[in-house]
Amino acid sequence: MAGLADVAFRRGRYDEAEKLLVPALAGRKKLAPDDPDTFESWHSLGLTSERLGKKDEARSLLTEVLGREHAVLGKTHPRTLDTMRELGRLDAEAGRTDDARKRLAEVIAARRAIASAADATPLDLDALAKLLLVCEVKDFRDPKEALALSRRANDATGDSDPAFLHTFAQALFDTGDRARAVTTQQRALDRLAAQAPERAGYQAELARYRAGK
């Protein structure tokens, strides 16, 4: 998601994001239908529709872009996996348990293969860690594995990335280390830009860890 639409989405102004994304996607489809930037706008509009409560529209958009991502990028490309993961979440929320399990199991397996590769990036490690912490199919969650992955991501970046620290704090909390979760989440906040849209969410998580909830 790019530019003003990204800012609007991250600040929860989904109507505004939708108004920006609809014409942007229409233009991109005409000029470069199989460009990764087009897929990004397509995916973003799907997420925005979901946040606006337009579940069927969101599913349609994400299903459409997934087909193009499969064909152009491949089934295990990170962008393809992001779209599969969102469809898995929609399946779970709609009570399509079997579909959710199948889709999310495929995403986790692919993410594990990527994370275990010699050239895995901190972003690859963090993506799998986050999924293992919050997966809608609860028996797929694995906080201990997520903790190890997140520790690697933060070691590789020298504890400098607030998003990776945020994931690490949740992994610490979910594995029972409340004290370190609090200090790690505070470090994430300290590294986050003062006007970052995520700031309120980070502060809420810090309060939750302090309360032990």
C-alpha atoms as a PDB file:
ATOM      1  CA  MET A   1       0.000   0.000   0.000  1.00  0.00           C
ATOM      2  CA  ALA A   2       1.539   3.267  -1.053  1.00  0.00           C
ATOM      3  CA  GLY A   3       1.472   6.908  -0.114  1.00  0.00           C
ATOM      4  CA  LEU A   4      -1.653   8.567   1.206  1.00  0.00           C
ATOM      5  CA  ALA A   5      -3.709   5.366   1.078  1.00  0.00           C
ATOM      6  CA  ASP A   6      -1.191   3.643   3.352  1.00  0.00           C
ATOM      7  CA  VAL A   7      -1.289   6.491   5.866  1.00  0.00           C
ATOM      8  CA  ALA A   8      -5.089   6.528   5.856  1.00  0.00           C
ATOM      9  CA  PHE A   9      -5.261   2.733   6.321  1.00  0.00           C
ATOM     10  CA  ARG A  10      -2.750   2.668   9.164  1.00  0.00           C
ATOM     11  CA  ARG A  11      -4.657   5.437  10.935  1.00  0.00           C
ATOM     12  CA  GLY A  12      -7.918   3.540  10.615  1.00  0.00           C
ATOM     13  CA  ARG A  13      -9.441   5.876   8.023  1.00  0.00           C
ATOM     14  CA  TYR A  14     -10.635   3.064   5.797  1.00  0.00           C
ATOM     15  CA  ASP A  15     -13.225   5.045   3.827  1.00  0.00           C
ATOM     16  CA  GLU A  16     -10.498   7.461   2.810  1.00  0.00           C
ATOM     17  CA  ALA A  17      -8.123   4.636   1.920  1.00  0.00           C
ATOM     18  CA  GLU A  18     -10.789   3.007  -0.238  1.00  0.00           C
ATOM     19  CA  LYS A  19     -11.443   6.234  -2.158  1.00  0.00           C
ATOM     20  CA  LEU A  20      -7.737   6.467  -2.951  1.00  0.00           C
ATOM     21  CA  LEU A  21      -7.200   2.811  -3.783  1.00  0.00           C
ATOM     22  CA  VAL A  22     -10.142   2.215  -6.146  1.00  0.00           C
ATOM     23  CA  PRO A  23      -8.979   4.614  -8.902  1.00  0.00           C
ATOM     24  CA  ALA A  24      -5.317   3.770  -8.282  1.00  0.00           C
ATOM     25  CA  LEU A  25      -5.982   0.062  -8.824  1.00  0.00           C
ATOM     26  CA  ALA A  26      -8.116   0.700 -11.913  1.00  0.00           C
ATOM     27  CA  GLY A  27      -5.281   2.682 -13.461  1.00  0.00           C
ATOM     28  CA  ARG A  28      -2.652   0.122 -12.589  1.00  0.00           C
ATOM     29  CA  LYS A  29      -4.717  -2.743 -14.027  1.00  0.00           C
ATOM     30  CA  LYS A  30      -4.913  -0.944 -17.353  1.00  0.00           C
ATOM     31  CA  LEU A  31      -1.245  -0.012 -17.552  1.00  0.00           C
ATOM     32  CA  ALA A  32       0.498  -2.924 -15.852  1.00  0.00           C
ATOM     33  CA  PRO A  33      -1.917  -5.680 -14.807  1.00  0.00           C
ATOM     34  CA  ASP A  34       0.812  -8.125 -13.757  1.00  0.00           C
ATOM     35  CA  ASP A  35       3.161  -5.694 -12.054  1.00  0.00           C
ATOM     36  CA  PRO A  36       3.888  -6.371  -8.350  1.00  0.00           C
ATOM     37  CA  ASP A  37       2.808  -2.809  -7.524  1.00  0.00           C
ATOM     38  CA  THR A  38      -0.585  -3.596  -9.052  1.00  0.00           C
ATOM     39  CA  PHE A  39      -0.816  -6.699  -6.880  1.00  0.00           C
ATOM     40  CA  GLU A  40       0.020  -4.595  -3.833  1.00  0.00           C
ATOM     41  CA  SER A  41      -2.797  -2.126  -4.559  1.00  0.00           C
ATOM     42  CA  TRP A  42      -5.174  -5.020  -5.268  1.00  0.00           C
ATOM     43  CA  HIS A  43      -4.260  -6.727  -1.984  1.00  0.00           C
ATOM     44  CA  SER A  44      -4.566  -3.442  -0.099  1.00  0.00           C
ATOM     45  CA  LEU A  45      -8.034  -2.781  -1.448  1.00  0.00           C
ATOM     46  CA  GLY A  46      -9.049  -6.265  -0.317  1.00  0.00           C
ATOM     47  CA  LEU A  47      -7.811  -5.549   3.205  1.00  0.00           C
ATOM     48  CA  THR A  48      -9.546  -2.180   3.210  1.00  0.00           C
ATOM     49  CA  SER A  49     -12.840  -3.729   2.109  1.00  0.00           C
ATOM     50  CA  GLU A  50     -12.533  -6.260   4.921  1.00  0.00           C
ATOM     51  CA  ARG A  51     -11.968  -3.508   7.492  1.00  0.00           C
ATOM     52  CA  LEU A  52     -15.074  -1.760   6.169  1.00  0.00           C
ATOM     53  CA  GLY A  53     -17.111  -4.904   6.782  1.00  0.00           C
ATOM     54  CA  LYS A  54     -17.414  -5.777   3.093  1.00  0.00           C
ATOM     55  CA  LYS A  55     -16.400  -9.390   3.625  1.00  0.00           C
ATOM     56  CA  ASP A  56     -17.666 -10.794   0.332  1.00  0.00           C
ATOM     57  CA  GLU A  57     -16.024  -8.004  -1.651  1.00  0.00           C
ATOM     58  CA  ALA A  58     -12.792  -8.513   0.256  1.00  0.00           C
ATOM     59  CA  ARG A  59     -12.820 -12.242  -0.459  1.00  0.00           C
ATOM     60  CA  SER A  60     -13.466 -11.605  -4.154  1.00  0.00           C
ATOM     61  CA  LEU A  61     -10.633  -9.089  -4.448  1.00  0.00           C
ATOM     62  CA  LEU A  62      -8.153 -11.267  -2.588  1.00  0.00           C
ATOM     63  CA  THR A  63      -9.126 -14.384  -4.533  1.00  0.00           C
ATOM     64  CA  GLU A  64      -8.656 -12.525  -7.818  1.00  0.00           C
ATOM     65  CA  VAL A  65      -5.238 -11.174  -6.927  1.00  0.00           C
ATOM     66  CA  LEU A  66      -4.142 -14.531  -5.525  1.00  0.00           C
ATOM     67  CA  GLY A  67      -4.790 -16.110  -8.921  1.00  0.00           C
ATOM     68  CA  ARG A  68      -2.560 -13.554 -10.622  1.00  0.00           C
ATOM     69  CA  GLU A  69       0.126 -13.826  -7.937  1.00  0.00           C
ATOM     70  CA  HIS A  70       0.194 -17.610  -8.336  1.00  0.00           C
ATOM     71  CA  ALA A  71       0.630 -17.244 -12.081  1.00  0.00           C
ATOM     72  CA  VAL A  72       3.183 -14.425 -12.073  1.00  0.00           C
ATOM     73  CA  LEU A  73       5.098 -14.683  -8.789  1.00  0.00           C
ATOM     74  CA  GLY A  74       4.640 -18.330  -7.817  1.00  0.00           C
ATOM     75  CA  LYS A  75       2.870 -20.099  -4.965  1.00  0.00           C
ATOM     76  CA  THR A  76       5.606 -19.520  -2.394  1.00  0.00           C
ATOM     77  CA  HIS A  77       6.417 -15.876  -3.079  1.00  0.00           C
ATOM     78  CA  PRO A  78       6.022 -13.798   0.122  1.00  0.00           C
ATOM     79  CA  ARG A  79       3.355 -11.596  -1.475  1.00  0.00           C
ATOM     80  CA  THR A  80       1.374 -14.651  -2.570  1.00  0.00           C
ATOM     81  CA  LEU A  81       1.655 -16.068   0.942  1.00  0.00           C
ATOM     82  CA  ASP A  82       0.434 -12.785   2.441  1.00  0.00           C
ATOM     83  CA  THR A  83      -2.713 -12.985   0.330  1.00  0.00           C
ATOM     84  CA  MET A  84      -3.251 -16.660   1.175  1.00  0.00           C
ATOM     85  CA  ARG A  85      -2.853 -15.818   4.836  1.00  0.00           C
ATOM     86  CA  GLU A  86      -5.545 -13.107   4.634  1.00  0.00           C
ATOM     87  CA  LEU A  87      -7.929 -15.480   2.863  1.00  0.00           C
ATOM     88  CA  GLY A  88      -7.236 -18.062   5.567  1.00  0.00           C
ATOM     89  CA  ARG A  89      -8.168 -15.488   8.196  1.00  0.00           C
ATOM     90  CA  LEU A  90     -11.406 -14.700   6.363  1.00  0.00           C
ATOM     91  CA  ASP A  91     -12.163 -18.428   6.144  1.00  0.00           C
ATOM     92  CA  ALA A  92     -11.657 -18.815   9.892  1.00  0.00           C
ATOM     93  CA  GLU A  93     -13.774 -15.809  10.762  1.00  0.00           C
ATOM     94  CA  ALA A  94     -16.573 -17.060   8.502  1.00  0.00           C
ATOM     95  CA  GLY A  95     -16.546 -20.479  10.173  1.00  0.00           C
ATOM     96  CA  ARG A  96     -15.018 -22.257   7.182  1.00  0.00           C
ATOM     97  CA  THR A  97     -12.737 -24.208   9.491  1.00  0.00           C
ATOM     98  CA  ASP A  98     -11.573 -26.875   7.049  1.00  0.00           C
ATOM     99  CA  ASP A  99     -10.728 -24.284   4.390  1.00  0.00           C
ATOM    100  CA  ALA A 100      -8.900 -22.151   6.961  1.00  0.00           C
ATOM    101  CA  ARG A 101      -6.859 -25.098   8.230  1.00  0.00           C
ATOM    102  CA  LYS A 102      -5.863 -26.161   4.726  1.00  0.00           C
ATOM    103  CA  ARG A 103      -4.903 -22.684   3.587  1.00  0.00           C
ATOM    104  CA  LEU A 104      -3.074 -21.635   6.741  1.00  0.00           C
ATOM    105  CA  ALA A 105      -1.210 -24.940   7.007  1.00  0.00           C
ATOM    106  CA  GLU A 106       0.082 -24.359   3.479  1.00  0.00           C
ATOM    107  CA  VAL A 107       1.181 -20.827   4.358  1.00  0.00           C
ATOM    108  CA  ILE A 108       2.967 -21.948   7.525  1.00  0.00           C
ATOM    109  CA  ALA A 109       4.772 -24.769   5.703  1.00  0.00           C
ATOM    110  CA  ALA A 110       5.950 -22.386   2.995  1.00  0.00           C
ATOM    111  CA  ARG A 111       6.974 -19.752   5.528  1.00  0.00           C
ATOM    112  CA  ARG A 112       8.955 -22.367   7.481  1.00  0.00           C
ATOM    113  CA  ALA A 113      10.811 -23.372   4.324  1.00  0.00           C
ATOM    114  CA  ILE A 114      11.667 -19.742   3.624  1.00  0.00           C
ATOM    115  CA  ALA A 115      12.756 -19.094   7.219  1.00  0.00           C
ATOM    116  CA  SER A 116      15.005 -22.150   7.267  1.00  0.00           C
ATOM    117  CA  ALA A 117      16.858 -21.165   4.100  1.00  0.00           C
ATOM    118  CA  ALA A 118      20.391 -19.858   4.375  1.00  0.00           C
ATOM    119  CA  ASP A 119      19.355 -16.545   2.805  1.00  0.00           C
ATOM    120  CA  ALA A 120      16.333 -15.958   5.050  1.00  0.00           C
ATOM    121  CA  THR A 121      15.937 -12.290   5.914  1.00  0.00           C
ATOM    122  CA  PRO A 122      14.832 -10.807   9.252  1.00  0.00           C
ATOM    123  CA  LEU A 123      11.525  -9.978   7.552  1.00  0.00           C
ATOM    124  CA  ASP A 124      11.075 -13.646   6.610  1.00  0.00           C
ATOM    125  CA  LEU A 125      11.714 -14.688  10.202  1.00  0.00           C
ATOM    126  CA  ASP A 126       9.357 -12.071  11.594  1.00  0.00           C
ATOM    127  CA  ALA A 127       6.561 -12.986   9.175  1.00  0.00           C
ATOM    128  CA  LEU A 128       6.555 -16.597  10.368  1.00  0.00           C
ATOM    129  CA  ALA A 129       6.926 -15.595  14.015  1.00  0.00           C
ATOM    130  CA  LYS A 130       3.889 -13.307  13.841  1.00  0.00           C
ATOM    131  CA  LEU A 131       1.785 -15.977  12.163  1.00  0.00           C
ATOM    132  CA  LEU A 132       2.717 -18.568  14.783  1.00  0.00           C
ATOM    133  CA  LEU A 133       1.633 -16.138  17.508  1.00  0.00           C
ATOM    134  CA  VAL A 134      -1.735 -15.053  16.167  1.00  0.00           C
ATOM    135  CA  CYS A 135      -2.856 -17.746  13.714  1.00  0.00           C
ATOM    136  CA  GLU A 136      -6.647 -18.025  13.715  1.00  0.00           C
ATOM    137  CA  VAL A 137      -6.358 -21.838  13.855  1.00  0.00           C
ATOM    138  CA  LYS A 138      -5.203 -21.898  17.445  1.00  0.00           C
ATOM    139  CA  ASP A 139      -3.612 -25.338  17.433  1.00  0.00           C
ATOM    140  CA  PHE A 140      -1.251 -24.057  14.718  1.00  0.00           C
ATOM    141  CA  ARG A 141       0.164 -21.485  17.114  1.00  0.00           C
ATOM    142  CA  ASP A 142       3.649 -22.112  18.515  1.00  0.00           C
ATOM    143  CA  PRO A 143       4.908 -19.311  20.800  1.00  0.00           C
ATOM    144  CA  LYS A 144       8.189 -21.110  21.519  1.00  0.00           C
ATOM    145  CA  GLU A 145       9.087 -21.405  17.859  1.00  0.00           C
ATOM    146  CA  ALA A 146       7.953 -17.819  17.351  1.00  0.00           C
ATOM    147  CA  LEU A 147      10.242 -16.694  20.181  1.00  0.00           C
ATOM    148  CA  ALA A 148      13.281 -18.351  18.602  1.00  0.00           C
ATOM    149  CA  LEU A 149      12.490 -16.890  15.181  1.00  0.00           C
ATOM    150  CA  SER A 150      11.908 -13.420  16.563  1.00  0.00           C
ATOM    151  CA  ARG A 151      15.126 -13.540  18.575  1.00  0.00           C
ATOM    152  CA  ARG A 152      17.007 -14.294  15.347  1.00  0.00           C
ATOM    153  CA  ALA A 153      15.309 -11.422  13.522  1.00  0.00           C
ATOM    154  CA  ASN A 154      16.223  -8.978  16.274  1.00  0.00           C
ATOM    155  CA  ASP A 155      19.781 -10.280  16.599  1.00  0.00           C
ATOM    156  CA  ALA A 156      20.227  -9.746  12.864  1.00  0.00           C
ATOM    157  CA  THR A 157      19.015  -6.144  13.083  1.00  0.00           C
ATOM    158  CA  GLY A 158      20.691  -5.222  16.366  1.00  0.00           C
ATOM    159  CA  ASP A 159      17.344  -4.695  18.114  1.00  0.00           C
ATOM    160  CA  SER A 160      16.791  -1.614  15.960  1.00  0.00           C
ATOM    161  CA  ASP A 161      13.479  -2.402  14.261  1.00  0.00           C
ATOM    162  CA  PRO A 162      10.387  -1.537  16.340  1.00  0.00           C
ATOM    163  CA  ALA A 163       8.161  -3.963  14.424  1.00  0.00           C
ATOM    164  CA  PHE A 164      10.503  -6.882  15.116  1.00  0.00           C
ATOM    165  CA  LEU A 165      10.781  -5.880  18.771  1.00  0.00           C
ATOM    166  CA  HIS A 166       6.991  -5.705  18.945  1.00  0.00           C
ATOM    167  CA  THR A 167       6.775  -9.314  17.743  1.00  0.00           C
ATOM    168  CA  PHE A 168       9.480 -10.372  20.198  1.00  0.00           C
ATOM    169  CA  ALA A 169       7.600  -8.766  23.088  1.00  0.00           C
ATOM    170  CA  GLN A 170       4.467 -10.725  22.243  1.00  0.00           C
ATOM    171  CA  ALA A 171       6.450 -13.958  21.954  1.00  0.00           C
ATOM    172  CA  LEU A 172       8.015 -13.307  25.354  1.00  0.00           C
ATOM    173  CA  PHE A 173       4.629 -12.614  26.905  1.00  0.00           C
ATOM    174  CA  ASP A 174       3.013 -15.677  25.333  1.00  0.00           C
ATOM    175  CA  THR A 175       5.826 -17.889  26.647  1.00  0.00           C
ATOM    176  CA  GLY A 176       5.406 -16.526  30.179  1.00  0.00           C
ATOM    177  CA  ASP A 177       8.176 -13.919  30.430  1.00  0.00           C
ATOM    178  CA  ARG A 178       6.054 -10.926  31.385  1.00  0.00           C
ATOM    179  CA  ALA A 179       8.911  -8.771  32.699  1.00  0.00           C
ATOM    180  CA  ARG A 180      10.971  -9.030  29.515  1.00  0.00           C
ATOM    181  CA  ALA A 181       7.853  -8.541  27.422  1.00  0.00           C
ATOM    182  CA  VAL A 182       7.304  -5.187  29.140  1.00  0.00           C
ATOM    183  CA  THR A 183      10.888  -4.002  28.691  1.00  0.00           C
ATOM    184  CA  THR A 184      11.003  -5.194  25.076  1.00  0.00           C
ATOM    185  CA  GLN A 185       7.722  -3.515  24.193  1.00  0.00           C
ATOM    186  CA  GLN A 186       8.985  -0.305  25.772  1.00  0.00           C
ATOM    187  CA  ARG A 187      12.089  -0.524  23.596  1.00  0.00           C
ATOM    188  CA  ALA A 188       9.857  -0.972  20.550  1.00  0.00           C
ATOM    189  CA  LEU A 189       7.964   2.171  21.535  1.00  0.00           C
ATOM    190  CA  ASP A 190      11.189   4.072  22.085  1.00  0.00           C
ATOM    191  CA  ARG A 191      12.316   3.230  18.537  1.00  0.00           C
ATOM    192  CA  LEU A 192       8.965   4.051  16.946  1.00  0.00           C
ATOM    193  CA  ALA A 193       8.558   7.439  15.300  1.00  0.00           C
ATOM    194  CA  ALA A 194       6.609   9.895  17.447  1.00  0.00           C
ATOM    195  CA  GLN A 195       3.851  10.276  14.834  1.00  0.00           C
ATOM    196  CA  ALA A 196       3.732   6.641  13.737  1.00  0.00           C
ATOM    197  CA  PRO A 197       0.132   5.399  13.293  1.00  0.00           C
ATOM    198  CA  GLU A 198       1.040   2.207  15.192  1.00  0.00           C
ATOM    199  CA  ARG A 199       1.954   4.100  18.353  1.00  0.00           C
ATOM    200  CA  ALA A 200      -1.448   3.802  20.056  1.00  0.00           C
ATOM    201  CA  GLY A 201      -1.516   0.064  19.409  1.00  0.00           C
ATOM    202  CA  TYR A 202       1.990  -0.376  20.792  1.00  0.00           C
ATOM    203  CA  GLN A 203       1.021   1.553  23.916  1.00  0.00           C
ATOM    204  CA  ALA A 204      -2.080  -0.608  24.381  1.00  0.00           C
ATOM    205  CA  GLU A 205       0.056  -3.757  24.136  1.00  0.00           C
ATOM    206  CA  LEU A 206       2.486  -2.372  26.695  1.00  0.00           C
ATOM    207  CA  ALA A 207      -0.400  -1.718  29.088  1.00  0.00           C
ATOM    208  CA  ARG A 208      -1.679  -5.263  28.533  1.00  0.00           C
ATOM    209  CA  TYR A 209       1.720  -6.778  29.298  1.00  0.00           C
ATOM    210  CA  ARG A 210       2.061  -4.684  32.425  1.00  0.00           C
ATOM    211  CA  ALA A 211      -1.377  -5.829  33.568  1.00  0.00           C
ATOM    212  CA  GLY A 212      -0.501  -9.430  32.783  1.00  0.00           C
ATOM    213  CA  LYS A 213      -3.603  -9.931  30.604  1.00  0.00           C
END
